[in-house]
Amino acid sequence: MGDTQIYSLKIKSIIHDYEVHFTDDFSASLDVELQEGDFLILDRSILRLYPQELKGVLEQFNNIVIDATEQQKSYEGIIPIIRTLIQDGFRKNHRLVAIGGGITQDITAFISSIIYRGVGWLFFPTTLLAQGDSCIGSKTSINFGEFKNQVGGFYPPNKIIIYPGFIDSLSEKDMKSGMGEMLHYFVVSGEEDFRMYESTFQEAFSNRDALAAIVAKSLNIKKSYIEKDEFDQNIRQVFNYGHSFGHAIESLTKYRVPHGIAVSYGMDIANFLSVKMGLIPENIRTEIRDVAKTFWPGFPLNDIDVPTFIQALSKDKKNVGNQLGLILNKGYGQIFKQLVDADDRFVETMHEYFDKELEK
């Protein structure tokens, strides 16, 4: 388990550079990292799972325990948090410390970016989705009414500390979701990295060191893109591979299908469409599908209505005019954006996918 300490990376950012460190001792890392004036924002489920590790810290430092829900991650939800910070003496030179998953990250990052025009913050990501993906990249977002992730900006933490042991407390659903999300980085990166993932991902479900290696590689792949395109204007958009279709699946299933699993379905749909358009041979689609479909049991797509699905796709941020801005596949390491007409041929392809392909 000590091997996890070898992983660390530094990420260049226009806002401020930041570091990621792996640790094999959560309590020791808290003792080392926390300093006077720090204010913790903590997911209630983590407090429930790790009461002994957090007891001393919570007695010593100001803290706010939150329920990590989409309602909390909203303008209305963050008002009481900001009020508490101001009332309890939080200052410009103090830092926020987030301990939780993506929702806790979004809440803390957004507040950090706006309170006193910006304060420092640290992040201890506790989910596989956050550890292997969202913890780097600088994005902050909160919900506005029923509209998800519509308000935000870019504001990275000053340091991220990854404790792989948190993964031991995750459900199989959350494990599959995190693994499904990370898969898209390895396809985007190229065949060598895809083969690494393909040969080790099943072991990673039970071997913490194998998982840490995949997480570290996933972050390194993402780092190479965000350092060139931090604000998501250009090449970083390839990381939306699987996401346009995945977001539509999440929405239409009312989030019954978790994000990373929906993305793994979305990659298969993008690859199916790429085969139909003559961009890749069938065998590449099959190789990626053979990995992705291991995440699908228990999360069938038998309730997707194709016209409603296409309507959901039409609301994607990458669209231009009446054309869908889809991320498609020309081969490993050759993921790209293409504008596609939502014409009769496209509709027919989507019907074929949902009517026939899911049974294979």
Protein backbone atom coordinates (compact mmCIF):
# COMPACT_ATOMS: atom_id res chain seq x y z
CA MET A 1 0.00 0.00 0.00
CA GLY A 2 2.96 2.32 0.56
CA ASP A 3 3.46 2.42 -3.21
CA THR A 4 0.69 4.98 -3.50
CA GLN A 5 3.03 7.60 -2.03
CA ILE A 6 5.16 7.68 -5.18
CA TYR A 7 2.46 9.48 -7.15
CA SER A 8 2.48 13.25 -7.27
CA LEU A 9 2.04 15.81 -10.01
CA LYS A 10 2.15 19.55 -10.43
CA ILE A 11 -0.34 21.27 -12.70
CA LYS A 12 0.33 24.61 -14.36
CA SER A 13 -2.62 26.99 -14.24
CA ILE A 14 -3.16 30.55 -15.45
CA ILE A 15 -4.87 31.21 -12.09
CA HIS A 16 -2.29 29.51 -9.86
CA ASP A 17 -0.26 26.32 -10.15
CA TYR A 18 -1.33 23.47 -7.89
CA GLU A 19 -0.19 20.03 -6.77
CA VAL A 20 -1.66 16.56 -6.39
CA HIS A 21 -0.20 14.21 -3.78
CA PHE A 22 -1.18 10.64 -2.96
CA THR A 23 -1.07 9.51 0.66
CA ASP A 24 -1.55 6.20 2.45
CA ASP A 25 -2.52 7.88 5.76
CA PHE A 26 -5.52 10.22 5.75
CA SER A 27 -5.21 11.25 9.43
CA ALA A 28 -1.51 12.04 9.12
CA SER A 29 -2.15 14.12 6.00
CA LEU A 30 -4.80 16.16 7.81
CA ASP A 31 -2.32 16.83 10.63
CA VAL A 32 0.35 17.95 8.17
CA GLU A 33 -1.81 20.03 5.84
CA LEU A 34 -4.23 21.88 8.12
CA GLN A 35 -3.20 25.21 9.56
CA GLU A 36 -4.68 27.87 11.83
CA GLY A 37 -7.72 29.60 10.32
CA ASP A 38 -8.64 26.72 7.99
CA PHE A 39 -12.37 26.08 7.71
CA LEU A 40 -13.58 22.59 6.71
CA ILE A 41 -16.52 21.89 4.41
CA LEU A 42 -17.29 18.22 4.93
CA ASP A 43 -19.67 15.71 3.34
CA ARG A 44 -21.85 14.23 6.11
CA SER A 45 -21.38 10.69 4.75
CA ILE A 46 -17.60 10.96 5.22
CA LEU A 47 -18.09 12.03 8.83
CA ARG A 48 -20.31 8.97 9.31
CA LEU A 49 -17.69 6.65 7.76
CA TYR A 50 -14.57 8.11 9.40
CA PRO A 51 -15.65 9.52 12.81
CA GLN A 52 -12.42 8.61 14.63
CA GLU A 53 -10.10 10.04 11.98
CA LEU A 54 -12.05 13.31 11.93
CA LYS A 55 -12.90 13.71 15.63
CA GLY A 56 -9.79 15.66 16.64
CA VAL A 57 -9.81 17.81 13.51
CA LEU A 58 -13.45 18.83 13.97
CA GLU A 59 -12.77 19.78 17.59
CA GLN A 60 -9.82 21.91 16.55
CA PHE A 61 -11.08 23.59 13.37
CA ASN A 62 -14.22 25.43 12.33
CA ASN A 63 -16.33 23.26 10.06
CA ILE A 64 -19.58 23.01 8.16
CA VAL A 65 -21.06 19.56 7.55
CA ILE A 66 -23.19 19.40 4.41
CA ASP A 67 -25.50 16.93 2.71
CA ALA A 68 -23.91 16.43 -0.72
CA THR A 69 -27.06 16.92 -2.81
CA GLU A 70 -27.85 18.79 -6.01
CA GLN A 71 -30.12 21.09 -3.94
CA GLN A 72 -27.19 22.00 -1.70
CA LYS A 73 -25.11 22.76 -4.80
CA SER A 74 -27.21 25.80 -5.75
CA TYR A 75 -27.34 29.54 -5.14
CA GLU A 76 -29.94 28.97 -2.44
CA GLY A 77 -27.92 26.11 -0.94
CA ILE A 78 -24.66 28.02 -0.56
CA ILE A 79 -26.18 31.15 1.04
CA PRO A 80 -26.18 29.68 4.60
CA ILE A 81 -22.63 28.38 4.10
CA ILE A 82 -21.31 31.83 3.13
CA ARG A 83 -23.27 33.41 6.00
CA THR A 84 -21.68 30.98 8.49
CA LEU A 85 -18.18 31.64 7.14
CA ILE A 86 -18.55 35.41 7.51
CA GLN A 87 -20.23 35.20 10.93
CA ASP A 88 -17.65 32.75 12.31
CA GLY A 89 -14.65 34.93 11.47
CA PHE A 90 -13.39 33.42 8.21
CA ARG A 91 -10.85 35.85 6.70
CA LYS A 92 -9.23 36.53 3.33
CA ASN A 93 -5.97 34.89 4.50
CA HIS A 94 -7.75 31.73 5.71
CA ARG A 95 -8.40 28.66 3.57
CA LEU A 96 -11.33 26.37 2.88
CA VAL A 97 -10.73 22.62 3.03
CA ALA A 98 -13.14 20.36 1.15
CA ILE A 99 -13.50 16.72 2.18
CA GLY A 100 -15.96 14.89 -0.06
CA GLY A 101 -16.84 14.11 -3.65
CA GLY A 102 -17.72 16.23 -6.68
CA ILE A 103 -20.61 18.12 -5.10
CA THR A 104 -18.52 19.11 -2.08
CA GLN A 105 -15.77 20.11 -4.51
CA ASP A 106 -18.11 22.30 -6.58
CA ILE A 107 -19.56 24.03 -3.52
CA THR A 108 -16.15 24.73 -1.99
CA ALA A 109 -14.50 25.78 -5.26
CA PHE A 110 -17.33 28.15 -6.15
CA ILE A 111 -17.40 29.78 -2.70
CA SER A 112 -13.58 30.00 -2.66
CA SER A 113 -13.63 31.82 -6.00
CA ILE A 114 -16.12 34.49 -4.93
CA ILE A 115 -15.73 35.10 -1.18
CA TYR A 116 -13.44 38.07 -0.54
CA ARG A 117 -12.66 37.93 -4.30
CA GLY A 118 -10.88 34.61 -3.89
CA VAL A 119 -9.32 32.57 -1.09
CA GLY A 120 -7.08 29.51 -1.04
CA TRP A 121 -8.57 26.03 -0.76
CA LEU A 122 -7.51 22.39 -0.40
CA PHE A 123 -9.32 19.27 -1.57
CA PHE A 124 -9.41 15.75 -0.17
CA PRO A 125 -11.47 13.91 -2.85
CA THR A 126 -13.33 10.91 -1.43
CA THR A 127 -15.00 9.39 -4.52
CA LEU A 128 -13.39 7.68 -7.49
CA LEU A 129 -15.03 10.17 -9.87
CA ALA A 130 -13.41 13.04 -7.99
CA GLN A 131 -10.03 11.35 -7.51
CA GLY A 132 -9.63 10.17 -11.10
CA ASP A 133 -11.23 13.10 -12.91
CA SER A 134 -12.85 16.20 -11.46
CA CYS A 135 -10.26 17.09 -8.79
CA ILE A 136 -8.05 18.72 -11.44
CA GLY A 137 -9.09 21.00 -14.26
CA SER A 138 -10.17 24.13 -12.34
CA LYS A 139 -13.89 24.01 -13.20
CA THR A 140 -16.41 25.24 -10.66
CA SER A 141 -20.17 25.04 -11.13
CA ILE A 142 -23.40 25.25 -9.19
CA ASN A 143 -27.01 24.75 -10.21
CA PHE A 144 -29.52 27.51 -10.88
CA GLY A 145 -33.07 26.40 -10.19
CA GLU A 146 -33.67 23.22 -12.17
CA PHE A 147 -30.78 24.04 -14.53
CA LYS A 148 -27.69 21.97 -13.69
CA ASN A 149 -24.15 23.45 -13.65
CA GLN A 150 -25.18 26.73 -15.30
CA VAL A 151 -23.25 29.11 -13.01
CA GLY A 152 -19.53 28.89 -12.37
CA GLY A 153 -16.02 29.56 -13.54
CA PHE A 154 -12.47 28.28 -13.19
CA TYR A 155 -10.68 28.27 -9.83
CA PRO A 156 -8.36 25.38 -8.91
CA PRO A 157 -7.47 24.31 -5.37
CA ASN A 158 -3.97 25.03 -4.12
CA LYS A 159 -3.39 21.38 -3.28
CA ILE A 160 -5.20 18.05 -3.73
CA ILE A 161 -4.48 15.11 -1.41
CA ILE A 162 -5.66 11.73 -2.67
CA TYR A 163 -6.16 8.94 -0.14
CA PRO A 164 -6.94 5.75 -2.11
CA GLY A 165 -8.35 4.16 1.06
CA PHE A 166 -11.55 6.17 0.65
CA ILE A 167 -12.41 3.87 -2.24
CA ASP A 168 -12.85 0.95 0.16
CA SER A 169 -16.09 2.49 1.42
CA LEU A 170 -17.61 3.06 -2.04
CA SER A 171 -20.51 1.04 -3.39
CA GLU A 172 -20.05 -1.10 -6.50
CA LYS A 173 -22.19 1.45 -8.36
CA ASP A 174 -19.82 4.30 -7.45
CA MET A 175 -16.80 2.17 -8.35
CA LYS A 176 -18.25 1.37 -11.78
CA SER A 177 -19.14 5.01 -12.30
CA GLY A 178 -15.60 6.17 -11.53
CA MET A 179 -14.04 3.47 -13.71
CA GLY A 180 -16.44 4.27 -16.56
CA GLU A 181 -15.56 7.96 -16.38
CA MET A 182 -11.80 7.33 -16.39
CA LEU A 183 -12.05 5.00 -19.41
CA HIS A 184 -12.62 7.93 -21.78
CA TYR A 185 -9.23 9.46 -20.91
CA PHE A 186 -7.42 6.29 -21.92
CA VAL A 187 -9.15 6.14 -25.32
CA VAL A 188 -8.47 9.84 -25.92
CA SER A 189 -4.80 9.38 -24.98
CA GLY A 190 -3.98 6.59 -27.44
CA GLU A 191 -3.76 2.85 -27.92
CA GLU A 192 -0.86 2.26 -25.49
CA ASP A 193 -2.74 3.85 -22.60
CA PHE A 194 -5.98 2.13 -23.58
CA ARG A 195 -4.18 -1.26 -23.47
CA MET A 196 -2.84 -0.40 -20.01
CA TYR A 197 -6.37 0.29 -18.79
CA GLU A 198 -7.82 -2.74 -20.60
CA SER A 199 -5.33 -5.10 -18.96
CA THR A 200 -5.57 -3.74 -15.39
CA PHE A 201 -9.05 -2.25 -14.82
CA GLN A 202 -10.66 -5.45 -13.51
CA GLU A 203 -7.85 -5.97 -11.00
CA ALA A 204 -8.33 -2.37 -9.84
CA PHE A 205 -11.74 -3.24 -8.36
CA SER A 206 -10.01 -5.26 -5.64
CA ASN A 207 -6.39 -4.07 -5.66
CA ARG A 208 -5.85 -0.58 -4.25
CA ASP A 209 -2.39 -0.17 -5.80
CA ALA A 210 -3.66 -1.13 -9.26
CA LEU A 211 -6.45 1.40 -8.83
CA ALA A 212 -4.05 4.13 -7.68
CA ALA A 213 -1.97 3.52 -10.82
CA ILE A 214 -5.03 4.00 -13.04
CA VAL A 215 -6.10 7.13 -11.13
CA ALA A 216 -2.60 8.64 -11.39
CA LYS A 217 -2.42 7.87 -15.11
CA SER A 218 -5.90 9.30 -15.69
CA LEU A 219 -4.87 12.56 -14.00
CA ASN A 220 -1.62 12.72 -15.98
CA ILE A 221 -3.53 12.34 -19.25
CA LYS A 222 -5.97 15.07 -18.23
CA LYS A 223 -3.11 17.31 -17.06
CA SER A 224 -1.49 17.26 -20.51
CA TYR A 225 -4.66 18.72 -22.05
CA ILE A 226 -5.77 21.20 -19.39
CA GLU A 227 -2.34 22.81 -19.27
CA LYS A 228 -2.78 23.67 -22.96
CA ASP A 229 -6.49 24.55 -22.79
CA GLU A 230 -7.45 25.29 -19.19
CA PHE A 231 -10.61 27.19 -20.08
CA ASP A 232 -12.06 24.49 -22.36
CA GLN A 233 -11.94 26.51 -25.58
CA ASN A 234 -10.12 24.10 -27.84
CA ILE A 235 -8.44 20.68 -27.53
CA ARG A 236 -9.79 19.98 -24.04
CA GLN A 237 -13.25 19.57 -25.60
CA VAL A 238 -12.27 16.04 -26.69
CA PHE A 239 -12.83 15.06 -23.06
CA ASN A 240 -16.53 15.42 -23.80
CA TYR A 241 -16.16 12.06 -25.58
CA GLY A 242 -19.13 10.00 -24.39
CA HIS A 243 -20.54 12.93 -22.45
CA SER A 244 -23.12 14.42 -24.84
CA PHE A 245 -24.86 11.06 -25.09
CA GLY A 246 -24.10 10.29 -21.43
CA HIS A 247 -25.71 13.47 -20.13
CA ALA A 248 -28.83 12.73 -22.20
CA ILE A 249 -28.96 9.21 -20.68
CA GLU A 250 -28.59 10.61 -17.15
CA SER A 251 -31.36 13.10 -17.76
CA LEU A 252 -33.80 10.66 -19.36
CA THR A 253 -33.28 8.00 -16.67
CA LYS A 254 -33.60 10.66 -13.93
CA TYR A 255 -30.05 9.75 -12.84
CA ARG A 256 -30.92 6.09 -12.28
CA VAL A 257 -27.85 5.48 -14.45
CA PRO A 258 -24.88 7.14 -12.66
CA HIS A 259 -22.68 9.60 -14.50
CA GLY A 260 -19.64 7.44 -15.30
CA ILE A 261 -21.77 4.49 -16.41
CA ALA A 262 -23.85 6.80 -18.62
CA VAL A 263 -20.58 8.11 -20.11
CA SER A 264 -19.44 4.53 -20.86
CA TYR A 265 -22.71 3.99 -22.74
CA GLY A 266 -22.14 7.36 -24.43
CA MET A 267 -18.73 6.27 -25.69
CA ASP A 268 -20.29 3.17 -27.23
CA ILE A 269 -22.95 5.28 -28.96
CA ALA A 270 -20.26 7.67 -30.26
CA ASN A 271 -18.23 4.69 -31.50
CA PHE A 272 -21.30 3.09 -33.12
CA LEU A 273 -22.00 6.36 -34.94
CA SER A 274 -18.30 6.58 -35.91
CA VAL A 275 -18.47 3.08 -37.45
CA LYS A 276 -21.63 4.07 -39.37
CA MET A 277 -19.83 7.16 -40.71
CA GLY A 278 -16.81 5.09 -41.81
CA LEU A 279 -14.46 6.72 -39.31
CA ILE A 280 -13.32 3.58 -37.45
CA PRO A 281 -13.43 -0.16 -38.12
CA GLU A 282 -15.85 -2.30 -36.12
CA ASN A 283 -13.04 -3.96 -34.14
CA ILE A 284 -12.04 -0.72 -32.36
CA ARG A 285 -15.62 -0.15 -31.32
CA THR A 286 -15.83 -3.76 -30.09
CA GLU A 287 -12.61 -3.51 -28.04
CA ILE A 288 -13.81 -0.40 -26.21
CA ARG A 289 -17.32 -1.83 -25.82
CA ASP A 290 -15.96 -5.04 -24.27
CA VAL A 291 -14.50 -2.92 -21.47
CA ALA A 292 -17.43 -0.49 -21.16
CA LYS A 293 -20.14 -3.14 -21.01
CA THR A 294 -18.64 -4.64 -17.85
CA PHE A 295 -20.04 -1.54 -16.09
CA TRP A 296 -23.57 -1.88 -17.51
CA PRO A 297 -25.17 -4.82 -15.58
CA GLY A 298 -27.85 -3.45 -13.29
CA PHE A 299 -28.19 -0.27 -15.34
CA PRO A 300 -30.14 -1.18 -18.51
CA LEU A 301 -31.30 1.44 -21.03
CA ASN A 302 -34.69 -0.13 -21.71
CA ASP A 303 -36.63 3.06 -20.99
CA ILE A 304 -35.00 5.45 -23.50
CA ASP A 305 -37.39 7.10 -25.94
CA VAL A 306 -35.35 8.02 -29.03
CA PRO A 307 -37.17 11.29 -29.98
CA THR A 308 -36.82 12.51 -26.37
CA PHE A 309 -33.16 11.41 -26.38
CA ILE A 310 -32.46 13.46 -29.52
CA GLN A 311 -34.31 16.40 -28.00
CA ALA A 312 -32.02 16.17 -24.96
CA LEU A 313 -28.97 16.08 -27.26
CA SER A 314 -30.20 19.28 -28.94
CA LYS A 315 -29.66 21.19 -25.66
CA ASP A 316 -25.94 20.35 -25.44
CA LYS A 317 -23.55 23.30 -24.98
CA LYS A 318 -21.31 22.13 -27.88
CA ASN A 319 -24.06 22.46 -30.50
CA VAL A 320 -23.83 25.11 -33.19
CA GLY A 321 -27.10 26.38 -34.65
CA ASN A 322 -29.20 23.35 -35.55
CA GLN A 323 -26.20 21.01 -35.69
CA LEU A 324 -25.13 18.68 -32.90
CA GLY A 325 -21.54 19.18 -31.73
CA LEU A 326 -20.57 15.54 -31.21
CA ILE A 327 -17.24 14.09 -30.10
CA LEU A 328 -16.50 11.16 -32.42
CA ASN A 329 -13.73 8.60 -32.91
CA LYS A 330 -11.21 8.15 -35.75
CA GLY A 331 -9.14 5.69 -33.72
CA TYR A 332 -7.25 5.49 -30.43
CA GLY A 333 -5.80 8.93 -29.71
CA GLN A 334 -7.85 10.43 -32.54
CA ILE A 335 -10.97 11.68 -30.80
CA PHE A 336 -12.35 14.85 -32.39
CA LYS A 337 -15.36 17.17 -32.54
CA GLN A 338 -17.68 17.12 -35.55
CA LEU A 339 -20.90 18.96 -36.30
CA VAL A 340 -23.62 16.48 -37.28
CA ASP A 341 -27.09 17.18 -38.64
CA ALA A 342 -29.89 15.65 -36.58
CA ASP A 343 -31.47 14.48 -39.83
CA ASP A 344 -33.46 11.35 -40.72
CA ARG A 345 -30.28 9.31 -41.12
CA PHE A 346 -29.05 10.28 -37.64
CA VAL A 347 -32.46 9.51 -36.13
CA GLU A 348 -32.45 6.12 -37.85
CA THR A 349 -28.97 5.35 -36.45
CA MET A 350 -30.11 6.19 -32.92
CA HIS A 351 -33.18 3.95 -33.33
CA GLU A 352 -30.93 1.13 -34.53
CA TYR A 353 -28.66 1.55 -31.50
CA PHE A 354 -31.39 1.52 -28.87
CA ASP A 355 -33.51 -1.12 -30.62
CA LYS A 356 -30.77 -3.63 -31.49
CA GLU A 357 -27.29 -2.87 -30.23
CA LEU A 358 -27.96 -3.05 -26.50
CA GLU A 359 -29.04 -6.70 -26.78
CA LYS A 360 -25.64 -7.83 -28.07
